[in-house]
Protein backbone atom coordinates (compact mmCIF):
# COMPACT_ATOMS: atom_id res chain seq x y z
CA MET A 1 82.38 263.23 176.18
CA THR A 2 85.82 263.95 174.75
CA VAL A 3 89.07 265.27 176.22
CA PHE A 4 91.82 266.85 174.11
CA TYR A 5 95.55 266.36 174.78
CA CYS A 6 98.84 267.76 173.48
CA ALA A 7 100.23 265.32 170.90
CA LYS A 8 103.81 266.07 171.94
CA CYS A 9 103.77 265.78 175.74
CA GLY A 10 100.35 264.26 176.45
CA ALA A 11 99.21 267.13 178.69
CA GLN A 12 95.45 267.35 179.14
CA LEU A 13 94.23 270.54 177.46
CA THR A 14 90.47 270.44 178.06
CA PRO A 15 87.95 269.04 180.48
CA ASP A 16 85.33 266.62 179.12
CA LEU A 17 83.64 268.34 176.19
CA GLN A 18 80.48 267.43 174.31
CA LYS A 19 80.55 267.45 170.52
CA LEU A 20 78.27 269.81 168.61
CA PRO A 21 76.99 268.72 165.17
CA ASP A 22 78.41 271.85 163.44
CA VAL A 23 80.35 274.98 164.25
CA PRO A 24 77.70 277.51 165.33
CA ASP A 25 77.43 280.88 163.64
CA ALA A 26 79.30 283.55 165.52
CA PRO A 27 77.08 285.94 167.50
CA VAL A 28 76.78 289.26 165.71
CA CYS A 29 74.67 291.45 167.98
CA ASP A 30 76.58 294.23 169.75
CA ARG A 31 74.31 294.01 172.80
CA ASP A 32 75.69 290.50 173.47
CA ARG A 33 79.30 291.73 173.68
CA ASP A 34 81.17 291.83 176.97
CA ARG A 35 81.04 295.44 178.18
CA ARG A 36 84.58 295.34 179.60
CA THR A 37 86.49 293.59 176.76
CA TRP A 38 83.96 294.23 173.96
CA LEU A 39 84.47 290.61 172.84
CA ALA A 40 81.58 288.78 171.26
CA PRO A 41 80.40 285.69 173.10
CA SER A 42 82.38 282.62 172.10
CA THR A 43 81.21 280.88 168.95
CA VAL A 44 81.17 277.56 170.84
CA PRO A 45 79.54 277.43 174.29
CA ARG A 46 81.56 276.29 177.30
CA GLY A 47 81.71 272.54 177.71
CA HIS A 48 81.40 271.87 173.98
CA TYR A 49 83.49 271.56 170.83
CA ALA A 50 82.87 271.42 167.10
CA ILE A 51 84.95 270.25 164.16
CA ASP A 52 85.43 272.81 161.38
CA PRO A 53 85.68 270.79 158.14
CA GLU A 54 86.83 273.80 156.09
CA PRO A 55 90.41 275.08 155.79
CA TRP A 56 90.97 277.56 158.59
CA GLY A 57 93.70 280.04 159.42
CA ALA A 58 97.25 280.41 158.14
CA PRO A 59 98.71 279.94 155.63
CA PHE A 60 96.73 282.04 153.16
CA VAL A 61 96.86 281.71 149.37
CA ALA A 62 95.34 283.31 146.28
CA PRO A 63 91.76 282.07 145.83
CA ASP A 64 90.86 279.38 143.34
CA PRO A 65 88.42 280.97 140.84
CA GLN A 66 86.24 277.84 140.98
CA HIS A 67 85.83 278.09 144.76
CA PRO A 68 84.51 281.43 146.00
CA LYS A 69 86.01 283.11 149.03
CA PRO A 70 84.13 282.18 152.21
CA SER A 71 82.19 284.90 153.94
CA GLY A 72 79.80 285.20 156.81
CA ASN A 73 80.11 286.11 160.43
CA ARG A 74 82.97 283.66 161.12
CA ALA A 75 85.17 285.22 158.43
CA LEU A 76 88.43 286.53 159.86
CA LEU A 77 89.29 290.21 159.83
CA MET A 78 92.28 290.19 157.47
CA PRO A 79 95.34 292.44 157.60
CA SER A 80 95.59 294.59 154.46
CA ASP A 81 98.27 292.38 152.86
CA LEU A 82 95.98 289.33 153.11
CA THR A 83 92.62 290.75 152.00
CA ASP A 84 92.72 289.02 148.60
CA THR A 85 93.60 285.58 149.98
CA VAL A 86 91.80 282.53 151.35
CA SER A 87 92.78 280.05 154.00
CA ALA A 88 94.89 277.05 153.09
CA GLY A 89 95.17 276.10 156.75
CA PRO A 90 94.29 272.75 158.23
CA ARG A 91 90.87 271.20 157.81
CA ASN A 92 89.09 269.68 160.80
CA SER A 93 90.39 272.10 163.41
CA VAL A 94 88.70 271.67 166.77
CA VAL A 95 86.79 274.82 167.75
CA VAL A 96 86.37 275.27 171.50
CA HIS A 97 85.42 277.98 173.97
CA PRO A 98 88.68 279.76 174.88
CA ASP A 99 87.94 279.39 178.62
CA ASP A 100 87.77 275.58 178.26
CA VAL A 101 91.50 275.46 177.52
CA SER A 102 93.10 277.22 180.47
CA THR A 103 96.40 275.31 180.22
CA VAL A 104 97.66 277.00 177.03
CA GLN A 105 99.48 280.31 177.01
CA SER A 106 99.65 283.12 174.50
CA THR A 107 102.90 283.54 172.64
CA GLY A 108 102.38 287.25 173.28
CA ALA A 109 103.70 288.31 169.89
CA SER A 110 101.81 291.33 168.60
CA SER A 111 102.04 292.22 164.93
CA VAL A 112 99.82 293.06 161.99
CA HIS A 113 97.89 289.96 163.05
CA TRP A 114 96.63 291.71 166.19
CA GLY A 115 93.70 294.08 166.29
CA CYS A 116 93.04 296.71 168.90
CA CYS A 117 91.78 294.16 171.46
CA GLY A 118 93.54 290.90 170.65
CA PRO A 119 94.70 288.41 168.04
CA LEU A 120 92.92 288.30 164.67
CA GLY A 121 93.72 284.60 164.17
CA THR A 122 95.44 285.27 160.84
CA GLY A 123 99.05 284.89 161.99
CA GLY A 124 99.01 281.16 162.62
CA ARG A 125 99.18 279.32 165.91
CA ASN A 126 99.49 281.82 168.76
CA MET A 127 98.87 279.60 171.81
CA ALA A 128 101.32 277.09 173.26
CA CYS A 129 101.16 274.10 175.57
CA ALA A 130 103.32 274.21 178.72
CA CYS A 131 105.86 272.05 176.80
CA GLY A 132 106.24 274.86 174.25
CA THR A 133 104.34 273.26 171.36
CA LEU A 134 102.33 275.80 169.38
CA LEU A 135 99.02 273.98 169.10
CA ALA A 136 96.13 276.45 168.97
CA THR A 137 95.02 279.72 167.40
CA LEU A 138 93.04 282.19 169.47
CA VAL A 139 90.77 284.66 167.70
CA ALA A 140 89.92 287.35 170.23
CA ASP A 141 89.73 290.79 168.68
CA CYS A 142 86.59 292.84 169.29
CA ILE A 143 85.73 292.92 165.57
CA GLY A 144 85.59 289.21 164.73
CA PRO A 145 84.50 285.86 166.09
CA HIS A 146 85.73 284.77 169.53
CA GLU A 147 86.99 281.20 169.37
CA LEU A 148 89.97 278.94 169.90
CA HIS A 149 91.04 276.50 167.18
CA LEU A 150 93.06 273.45 168.26
CA ASP A 151 95.37 272.27 165.48
CA PRO A 152 94.23 268.77 164.43
CA VAL A 153 97.85 267.65 163.94
CA ARG A 154 99.12 268.90 167.28
CA VAL A 155 96.32 267.66 169.54
CA TYR A 156 94.51 264.37 169.90
CA ALA A 157 91.14 263.44 171.31
CA TYR A 158 90.21 260.70 173.70
CA THR A 159 86.60 259.60 173.78
CA PRO A 160 85.96 256.66 176.11
CA ASP A 161 83.79 253.89 174.77
CA PRO A 162 80.24 254.08 176.13
CA PRO A 163 79.43 251.50 178.79
CA THR A 164 77.84 248.33 177.44
């Protein structure tokens, strides 16, 4: 089991979480969506986390012709000015269920990086620790995946050694 903490103030961000071998595919079936918020179920189930080895989130850059643009059901819905770009964001972000990190707060800034129901995840870190450190990006619009990415530079993990 692993617990994640704010790298600046040391605040505990998550309960004990169990590591998944990969980031699961995002659910795509409309019948699985929450009828009140229309959000898809979270990509990662409660009580778990996964490490995304690929670049994720802001900033975005022109694609390298030798590396095709990623696609699939975890691809972010991009604002029109970013549709021809790819992520150059951090690798190894920690993907968790948004409800497993109740201590962070939304920055509340709406912009082109917000859809009709919530943040697209394209505008960079949009969730802050109580100390003010921007350390996570919530993706929670009804059109895309529903997940929270902890920035690998701004959080740290503690995994106790197993008993011997």
